[in-house]
Each structure stands twice: as C-alpha cells, then as structure tokens.
C-alpha atoms as a PDB file:
ATOM      1  CA  MET A   1      49.834  46.119  88.748  1.00  0.00           C
ATOM      2  CA  ALA A   2      48.052  42.965  89.050  1.00  0.00           C
ATOM      3  CA  GLY A   3      49.925  39.744  88.545  1.00  0.00           C
ATOM      4  CA  GLY A   4      50.510  39.893  84.874  1.00  0.00           C
ATOM      5  CA  ARG A   5      49.468  43.315  84.575  1.00  0.00           C
ATOM      6  CA  ASN A   6      51.718  45.513  82.971  1.00  0.00           C
ATOM      7  CA  GLU A   7      51.142  48.949  81.317  1.00  0.00           C
ATOM      8  CA  GLN A   8      54.445  49.689  80.225  1.00  0.00           C
ATOM      9  CA  GLY A   9      55.525  49.602  76.403  1.00  0.00           C
ATOM     10  CA  ALA A  10      58.201  47.332  75.267  1.00  0.00           C
ATOM     11  CA  TRP A  11      59.953  49.615  73.801  1.00  0.00           C
ATOM     12  CA  PRO A  12      60.860  53.133  75.792  1.00  0.00           C
ATOM     13  CA  GLN A  13      60.120  56.112  73.793  1.00  0.00           C
ATOM     14  CA  VAL A  14      62.326  59.271  73.665  1.00  0.00           C
ATOM     15  CA  VAL A  15      61.018  61.442  76.543  1.00  0.00           C
ATOM     16  CA  LYS A  16      60.012  65.355  75.172  1.00  0.00           C
ATOM     17  CA  THR A  17      60.731  66.891  78.601  1.00  0.00           C
ATOM     18  CA  LYS A  18      63.827  68.902  80.296  1.00  0.00           C
ATOM     19  CA  LEU A  19      64.575  65.319  82.307  1.00  0.00           C
ATOM     20  CA  LYS A  20      67.942  64.333  82.024  1.00  0.00           C
ATOM     21  CA  THR A  21      67.736  60.493  81.530  1.00  0.00           C
ATOM     22  CA  GLY A  22      67.531  58.775  84.723  1.00  0.00           C
ATOM     23  CA  GLY A  23      65.892  61.833  86.224  1.00  0.00           C
ATOM     24  CA  PHE A  24      62.399  62.225  87.845  1.00  0.00           C
ATOM     25  CA  LYS A  25      60.376  64.459  89.505  1.00  0.00           C
ATOM     26  CA  LEU A  26      58.461  64.615  92.471  1.00  0.00           C
ATOM     27  CA  ALA A  27      54.503  64.759  92.019  1.00  0.00           C
ATOM     28  CA  THR A  28      52.786  67.059  93.814  1.00  0.00           C
ATOM     29  CA  GLN A  29      48.964  68.084  94.179  1.00  0.00           C
ATOM     30  CA  THR A  30      49.595  71.798  93.908  1.00  0.00           C
ATOM     31  CA  LYS A  31      49.860  73.854  90.720  1.00  0.00           C
ATOM     32  CA  GLN A  32      53.346  74.777  91.258  1.00  0.00           C
ATOM     33  CA  ALA A  33      55.704  72.866  88.933  1.00  0.00           C
ATOM     34  CA  PRO A  34      57.065  69.575  90.925  1.00  0.00           C
ATOM     35  CA  SER A  35      60.535  69.704  92.277  1.00  0.00           C
ATOM     36  CA  SER A  36      62.973  68.257  89.855  1.00  0.00           C
ATOM     37  CA  ILE A  37      65.420  65.358  91.626  1.00  0.00           C
ATOM     38  CA  HIS A  38      67.908  64.033  89.229  1.00  0.00           C
ATOM     39  CA  ASN A  39      69.440  60.843  90.154  1.00  0.00           C
ATOM     40  CA  PRO A  40      73.092  60.260  88.290  1.00  0.00           C
ATOM     41  CA  GLN A  41      73.469  56.445  87.520  1.00  0.00           C
ATOM     42  CA  SER A  42      76.786  56.657  90.049  1.00  0.00           C
ATOM     43  CA  SER A  43      74.773  57.938  92.936  1.00  0.00           C
ATOM     44  CA  ALA A  44      73.368  53.971  93.882  1.00  0.00           C
ATOM     45  CA  ARG A  45      75.185  50.966  93.259  1.00  0.00           C
ATOM     46  CA  ILE A  46      72.954  48.052  91.929  1.00  0.00           C
ATOM     47  CA  PRO A  47      73.501  44.747  93.993  1.00  0.00           C
ATOM     48  CA  LEU A  48      75.802  42.629  91.941  1.00  0.00           C
ATOM     49  CA  ARG A  49      73.310  39.906  91.009  1.00  0.00           C
ATOM     50  CA  TRP A  50      71.030  42.239  89.408  1.00  0.00           C
ATOM     51  CA  ARG A  51      73.848  44.369  87.104  1.00  0.00           C
ATOM     52  CA  LYS A  52      73.332  42.219  84.089  1.00  0.00           C
ATOM     53  CA  GLU A  53      69.298  42.734  84.015  1.00  0.00           C
ATOM     54  CA  VAL A  54      69.024  46.206  85.545  1.00  0.00           C
ATOM     55  CA  GLU A  55      70.599  48.967  83.604  1.00  0.00           C
ATOM     56  CA  ARG A  56      70.606  51.607  86.514  1.00  0.00           C
ATOM     57  CA  ILE A  57      69.049  52.479  89.718  1.00  0.00           C
ATOM     58  CA  LEU A  58      65.989  55.465  89.192  1.00  0.00           C
ATOM     59  CA  ILE A  59      64.653  55.575  92.820  1.00  0.00           C
ATOM     60  CA  THR A  60      66.682  54.393  95.928  1.00  0.00           C
ATOM     61  CA  ASP A  61      64.898  52.564  98.671  1.00  0.00           C
ATOM     62  CA  GLU A  62      65.808  55.838 101.072  1.00  0.00           C
ATOM     63  CA  GLN A  63      63.951  58.117  98.569  1.00  0.00           C
ATOM     64  CA  ILE A  64      60.767  56.068  98.463  1.00  0.00           C
ATOM     65  CA  ALA A  65      60.796  55.740 102.347  1.00  0.00           C
ATOM     66  CA  ARG A  66      60.848  59.931 102.395  1.00  0.00           C
ATOM     67  CA  ARG A  67      58.206  60.111  99.859  1.00  0.00           C
ATOM     68  CA  VAL A  68      55.680  57.625 101.360  1.00  0.00           C
ATOM     69  CA  LYS A  69      55.894  59.022 104.446  1.00  0.00           C
ATOM     70  CA  THR A  70      54.816  62.745 102.953  1.00  0.00           C
ATOM     71  CA  LEU A  71      52.227  61.157 100.894  1.00  0.00           C
ATOM     72  CA  ALA A  72      50.613  59.418 103.980  1.00  0.00           C
ATOM     73  CA  ARG A  73      50.613  63.103 105.863  1.00  0.00           C
ATOM     74  CA  GLU A  74      48.980  64.315 102.702  1.00  0.00           C
ATOM     75  CA  ILE A  75      46.305  61.662 102.906  1.00  0.00           C
ATOM     76  CA  GLU A  76      45.688  61.761 106.617  1.00  0.00           C
ATOM     77  CA  ARG A  77      45.250  65.675 106.416  1.00  0.00           C
ATOM     78  CA  ASP A  78      42.598  65.369 103.606  1.00  0.00           C
ATOM     79  CA  PHE A  79      40.550  62.443 105.419  1.00  0.00           C
ATOM     80  CA  ARG A  80      40.950  63.520 109.176  1.00  0.00           C
ATOM     81  CA  GLY A  81      38.027  62.726 111.000  1.00  0.00           C
ATOM     82  CA  ARG A  82      36.893  59.884 108.680  1.00  0.00           C
ATOM     83  CA  GLU A  83      37.031  56.223 108.589  1.00  0.00           C
ATOM     84  CA  LEU A  84      39.065  55.228 105.321  1.00  0.00           C
ATOM     85  CA  VAL A  85      38.271  52.180 103.038  1.00  0.00           C
ATOM     86  CA  VAL A  86      41.578  51.330 101.107  1.00  0.00           C
ATOM     87  CA  VAL A  87      41.042  49.632  97.872  1.00  0.00           C
ATOM     88  CA  SER A  88      44.471  48.442  96.338  1.00  0.00           C
ATOM     89  CA  LEU A  89      44.874  47.081  92.809  1.00  0.00           C
ATOM     90  CA  LEU A  90      46.441  43.631  93.050  1.00  0.00           C
ATOM     91  CA  SER A  91      49.309  42.561  92.749  1.00  0.00           C
ATOM     92  CA  GLY A  92      52.008  45.285  92.168  1.00  0.00           C
ATOM     93  CA  THR A  93      50.811  47.560  95.070  1.00  0.00           C
ATOM     94  CA  VAL A  94      51.889  45.288  97.652  1.00  0.00           C
ATOM     95  CA  MET A  95      55.052  46.704  98.773  1.00  0.00           C
ATOM     96  CA  PHE A  96      53.729  50.230  98.228  1.00  0.00           C
ATOM     97  CA  LEU A  97      50.848  49.485 100.191  1.00  0.00           C
ATOM     98  CA  ALA A  98      52.153  48.135 102.986  1.00  0.00           C
ATOM     99  CA  ASP A  99      54.735  50.832 103.497  1.00  0.00           C
ATOM    100  CA  LEU A 100      51.645  53.471 103.236  1.00  0.00           C
ATOM    101  CA  ILE A 101      49.345  52.276 105.248  1.00  0.00           C
ATOM    102  CA  ARG A 102      51.588  51.953 107.975  1.00  0.00           C
ATOM    103  CA  HIS A 103      52.159  55.714 108.516  1.00  0.00           C
ATOM    104  CA  LEU A 104      48.493  56.591 108.285  1.00  0.00           C
ATOM    105  CA  ASN A 105      46.992  57.442 111.356  1.00  0.00           C
ATOM    106  CA  LEU A 106      43.538  56.807 110.553  1.00  0.00           C
ATOM    107  CA  PRO A 107      40.879  54.388 111.107  1.00  0.00           C
ATOM    108  CA  LEU A 108      40.890  52.315 107.967  1.00  0.00           C
ATOM    109  CA  ARG A 109      39.523  49.114 106.261  1.00  0.00           C
ATOM    110  CA  LEU A 110      41.285  46.983 103.334  1.00  0.00           C
ATOM    111  CA  ASP A 111      40.217  45.642 100.350  1.00  0.00           C
ATOM    112  CA  PHE A 112      41.389  44.502  97.017  1.00  0.00           C
ATOM    113  CA  ILE A 113      40.392  44.477  93.300  1.00  0.00           C
ATOM    114  CA  GLY A 114      42.040  42.070  90.849  1.00  0.00           C
ATOM    115  CA  VAL A 115      43.019  43.251  87.241  1.00  0.00           C
ATOM    116  CA  SER A 116      44.852  41.438  84.850  1.00  0.00           C
ATOM    117  CA  SER A 117      45.747  42.701  81.118  1.00  0.00           C
ATOM    118  CA  TYR A 118      48.867  41.083  80.327  1.00  0.00           C
ATOM    119  CA  GLY A 119      50.521  37.464  80.023  1.00  0.00           C
ATOM    120  CA  LEU A 120      54.072  37.194  80.886  1.00  0.00           C
ATOM    121  CA  GLY A 121      55.561  39.221  78.221  1.00  0.00           C
ATOM    122  CA  THR A 122      54.462  42.873  77.323  1.00  0.00           C
ATOM    123  CA  GLU A 123      51.784  42.387  74.676  1.00  0.00           C
ATOM    124  CA  SER A 124      48.339  43.860  76.042  1.00  0.00           C
ATOM    125  CA  GLY A 125      45.436  42.008  76.168  1.00  0.00           C
ATOM    126  CA  GLU A 126      41.950  42.216  76.883  1.00  0.00           C
ATOM    127  CA  LEU A 127      41.423  43.736  80.724  1.00  0.00           C
ATOM    128  CA  VAL A 128      40.002  41.334  83.207  1.00  0.00           C
ATOM    129  CA  PHE A 129      38.690  41.446  86.812  1.00  0.00           C
ATOM    130  CA  THR A 130      40.265  38.497  88.565  1.00  0.00           C
ATOM    131  CA  LYS A 131      39.181  39.722  92.284  1.00  0.00           C
ATOM    132  CA  GLU A 132      35.947  42.128  93.074  1.00  0.00           C
ATOM    133  CA  LEU A 133      35.479  43.894  96.197  1.00  0.00           C
ATOM    134  CA  ARG A 134      34.264  42.383  99.477  1.00  0.00           C
ATOM    135  CA  LEU A 135      33.405  45.323 101.264  1.00  0.00           C
ATOM    136  CA  ASP A 136      30.547  47.471 101.018  1.00  0.00           C
ATOM    137  CA  VAL A 137      31.684  50.824 100.514  1.00  0.00           C
ATOM    138  CA  ARG A 138      28.409  52.676  99.755  1.00  0.00           C
ATOM    139  CA  GLY A 139      28.690  55.984 101.595  1.00  0.00           C
ATOM    140  CA  ARG A 140      32.247  55.462 102.393  1.00  0.00           C
ATOM    141  CA  ASP A 141      35.670  57.463 101.969  1.00  0.00           C
ATOM    142  CA  VAL A 142      37.728  55.488  99.296  1.00  0.00           C
ATOM    143  CA  LEU A 143      41.131  55.737  98.660  1.00  0.00           C
ATOM    144  CA  LEU A 144      42.104  53.304  95.143  1.00  0.00           C
ATOM    145  CA  ILE A 145      46.004  52.386  95.307  1.00  0.00           C
ATOM    146  CA  ASP A 146      47.981  51.237  92.458  1.00  0.00           C
ATOM    147  CA  ASP A 147      51.760  51.067  91.594  1.00  0.00           C
ATOM    148  CA  ILE A 148      52.016  53.280  88.564  1.00  0.00           C
ATOM    149  CA  LEU A 149      49.970  55.340  86.311  1.00  0.00           C
ATOM    150  CA  ASP A 150      50.987  54.909  82.644  1.00  0.00           C
ATOM    151  CA  THR A 151      48.356  54.761  79.757  1.00  0.00           C
ATOM    152  CA  GLY A 152      45.318  55.239  82.226  1.00  0.00           C
ATOM    153  CA  LYS A 153      43.629  52.405  80.569  1.00  0.00           C
ATOM    154  CA  THR A 154      43.421  50.323  83.857  1.00  0.00           C
ATOM    155  CA  MET A 155      42.275  53.213  85.727  1.00  0.00           C
ATOM    156  CA  SER A 156      39.777  54.364  83.370  1.00  0.00           C
ATOM    157  CA  ARG A 157      38.122  50.652  83.810  1.00  0.00           C
ATOM    158  CA  VAL A 158      38.448  50.735  87.614  1.00  0.00           C
ATOM    159  CA  LEU A 159      37.269  53.665  88.370  1.00  0.00           C
ATOM    160  CA  PRO A 160      33.830  53.839  87.022  1.00  0.00           C
ATOM    161  CA  LYS A 161      33.543  50.217  88.754  1.00  0.00           C
ATOM    162  CA  ILE A 162      33.865  51.743  92.167  1.00  0.00           C
ATOM    163  CA  HIS A 163      31.866  54.916  91.549  1.00  0.00           C
ATOM    164  CA  ALA A 164      28.846  52.709  90.763  1.00  0.00           C
ATOM    165  CA  LEU A 165      29.074  51.348  94.225  1.00  0.00           C
ATOM    166  CA  LYS A 166      28.279  54.960  95.489  1.00  0.00           C
ATOM    167  CA  PRO A 167      31.283  55.879  97.713  1.00  0.00           C
ATOM    168  CA  ARG A 168      30.751  59.024  99.652  1.00  0.00           C
ATOM    169  CA  ARG A 169      34.138  60.370  98.303  1.00  0.00           C
ATOM    170  CA  LEU A 170      36.923  58.449  95.642  1.00  0.00           C
ATOM    171  CA  LYS A 171      40.356  59.177  95.738  1.00  0.00           C
ATOM    172  CA  THR A 172      43.114  57.793  93.813  1.00  0.00           C
ATOM    173  CA  CYS A 173      47.330  57.028  94.934  1.00  0.00           C
ATOM    174  CA  VAL A 174      50.067  56.155  92.708  1.00  0.00           C
ATOM    175  CA  LEU A 175      53.518  55.526  93.125  1.00  0.00           C
ATOM    176  CA  LEU A 176      54.382  56.450  90.020  1.00  0.00           C
ATOM    177  CA  ASP A 177      52.939  58.657  87.354  1.00  0.00           C
ATOM    178  CA  LYS A 178      54.377  58.511  83.561  1.00  0.00           C
ATOM    179  CA  PRO A 179      52.440  61.234  81.962  1.00  0.00           C
ATOM    180  CA  SER A 180      54.284  60.770  78.212  1.00  0.00           C
ATOM    181  CA  ARG A 181      52.291  57.563  77.890  1.00  0.00           C
ATOM    182  CA  ARG A 182      48.654  58.861  78.924  1.00  0.00           C
ATOM    183  CA  VAL A 183      46.169  57.914  76.490  1.00  0.00           C
ATOM    184  CA  GLU A 184      43.048  58.306  78.906  1.00  0.00           C
ATOM    185  CA  LYS A 185      42.383  61.533  80.618  1.00  0.00           C
ATOM    186  CA  ILE A 186      42.971  60.240  84.092  1.00  0.00           C
ATOM    187  CA  ARG A 187      45.070  61.993  86.955  1.00  0.00           C
ATOM    188  CA  ALA A 188      46.011  60.887  90.211  1.00  0.00           C
ATOM    189  CA  ASP A 189      45.359  62.835  93.260  1.00  0.00           C
ATOM    190  CA  TYR A 190      48.576  61.425  95.032  1.00  0.00           C
ATOM    191  CA  ALA A 191      50.956  60.293  93.141  1.00  0.00           C
ATOM    192  CA  GLY A 192      54.719  59.573  94.746  1.00  0.00           C
ATOM    193  CA  PHE A 193      57.094  60.291  91.713  1.00  0.00           C
ATOM    194  CA  GLU A 194      56.754  61.289  88.053  1.00  0.00           C
ATOM    195  CA  ILE A 195      59.026  59.552  86.220  1.00  0.00           C
ATOM    196  CA  PRO A 196      59.911  59.784  82.108  1.00  0.00           C
ATOM    197  CA  ASP A 197      59.290  56.888  79.860  1.00  0.00           C
ATOM    198  CA  LEU A 198      61.493  54.026  81.058  1.00  0.00           C
ATOM    199  CA  PHE A 199      60.764  50.394  81.515  1.00  0.00           C
ATOM    200  CA  VAL A 200      60.736  50.161  85.375  1.00  0.00           C
ATOM    201  CA  VAL A 201      60.711  47.416  87.877  1.00  0.00           C
ATOM    202  CA  GLY A 202      61.183  46.843  91.397  1.00  0.00           C
ATOM    203  CA  TYR A 203      59.439  47.782  94.859  1.00  0.00           C
ATOM    204  CA  GLY A 204      56.365  45.785  93.543  1.00  0.00           C
ATOM    205  CA  LEU A 205      56.541  46.411  89.714  1.00  0.00           C
ATOM    206  CA  ASP A 206      57.449  43.372  87.575  1.00  0.00           C
ATOM    207  CA  TYR A 207      58.500  42.131  84.265  1.00  0.00           C
ATOM    208  CA  ALA A 208      56.790  38.707  83.495  1.00  0.00           C
ATOM    209  CA  GLU A 209      56.622  38.638  87.157  1.00  0.00           C
ATOM    210  CA  ARG A 210      60.013  38.897  88.308  1.00  0.00           C
ATOM    211  CA  TYR A 211      61.833  41.709  89.814  1.00  0.00           C
ATOM    212  CA  ARG A 212      58.770  42.318  92.658  1.00  0.00           C
ATOM    213  CA  HIS A 213      60.966  41.947  95.438  1.00  0.00           C
ATOM    214  CA  LEU A 214      63.691  44.547  94.586  1.00  0.00           C
ATOM    215  CA  PRO A 215      63.815  47.314  97.129  1.00  0.00           C
ATOM    216  CA  PHE A 216      64.345  50.184  94.641  1.00  0.00           C
ATOM    217  CA  VAL A 217      62.814  51.241  91.248  1.00  0.00           C
ATOM    218  CA  GLY A 218      65.246  50.585  88.910  1.00  0.00           C
ATOM    219  CA  VAL A 219      65.328  50.705  84.934  1.00  0.00           C
ATOM    220  CA  LEU A 220      65.382  47.665  83.181  1.00  0.00           C
ATOM    221  CA  HIS A 221      68.085  46.676  80.442  1.00  0.00           C
ATOM    222  CA  PRO A 222      66.274  46.717  77.121  1.00  0.00           C
ATOM    223  CA  HIS A 223      67.916  43.215  76.316  1.00  0.00           C
ATOM    224  CA  VAL A 224      65.822  41.624  79.020  1.00  0.00           C
ATOM    225  CA  TYR A 225      62.305  42.432  77.341  1.00  0.00           C
ATOM    226  CA  GLN A 226      63.152  43.192  73.517  1.00  0.00           C
ATOM    227  CA  PRO A 227      62.920  39.903  71.458  1.00  0.00           C
END
C-alpha cells in the first residue's frame, strides 16, 4: 500500500462467509479449503495506548512471524536455482517485505514501485505511479509484493506495467487477501491470510498515514474513520 494508497473502504460491509467476526483464514495455493483459524477478542490484549483507536487484534505478531516463514519456504521451493527480482509496492509493504526477504535463501535483487490513489482519508482517486522500476527485469523471475489484495484495482494496473517489461516469470505475494471486496479478476500466487471485510491497520497498513508501525494487524474502531 503506497503512501496514502488505501484500498479499504470507509464503511465495512457485512461479511457473507462462515467466519465469525474477528476470524481469518490462512490462504493457501492448494485446491483444498483454507484452514480456518479464529482469533477471539480476548486472546491478545491491545496495548493501552491504542485501545481507544484499535478495536481488537485480528492477527498477532507471533502468527504473522510463523506465516511469513511458511511463505518464504513456498517461494524458495518455486524459485529454487533462480535469481529473484523482488519488486515491492511502496510503502505499506515495508515491514512484510523486510521480514519475508530475511527468510529467503535465494540470490535476489530488490526494487520498488510507488503507487498512490488516496489522500489522507478513504476517498479513492486516480491511480498515480510515483516511482518507476530502476532494475531491468527482462528475462528475469519477478516476485511482486503488496500488503493487501482488496479490490484488485492496484494490481490490475501494476501487473500489465511489469508484464510489458518482459520478465521470464511474474508471481504475486500479499500479506492479506480480502476477496469479499474484489472487483477485478486478480488472485495472488502467495497470500498470508484471508480476512473478512474489516478495516485493518498495523504491520505496514495505515489509515491517514498512521498505525503502520503496530506489530500486529488490528481492526480500527469505526469512529476513527467514519465522519
């Protein structure tokens, strides 16, 4: 999620799934149904400083750490014997990116694309590229990383841009997948957690450029972002 870019809608919708409120699923690449994991509100305490703004912790830092290691193993398996070019979307990916590449035992190069479609609120605007790729990815294996796959509008603009540079292979990796809000036919090759339609912050995700530094993924109190 780039500086100011926030695909999450301002008004959380009713989730038409079997998940209980506060639950999430591990996203997998297999055809089997993702494993359901529930995160009761009492399972993790929000630091006192954030209790007026963060309603509950959806995914703890320990759960994130375990899942990131698993994702790294999956990526290593698929790109074994190849040099990888990791392309990360600024700037919501920073924490996820740093943790993920530390676990990748592969030769890799790193570059960034800047994309912005939001100001300091939640109203969408025209998608603007604020930083272009510096590395030449022609004929290379590329892994595109984003923090959250929501509507899919950002990915639907970025993927054709990278494909035009003629990489050998292009895969996508996201920390969070929110399929209930998808409007574009986009699916991530690697996804950390599938979550319901909740307004989440932390671990790189922001609202009005705040909360990125929180070590967990939490649900924001509606009074923070509703007018």
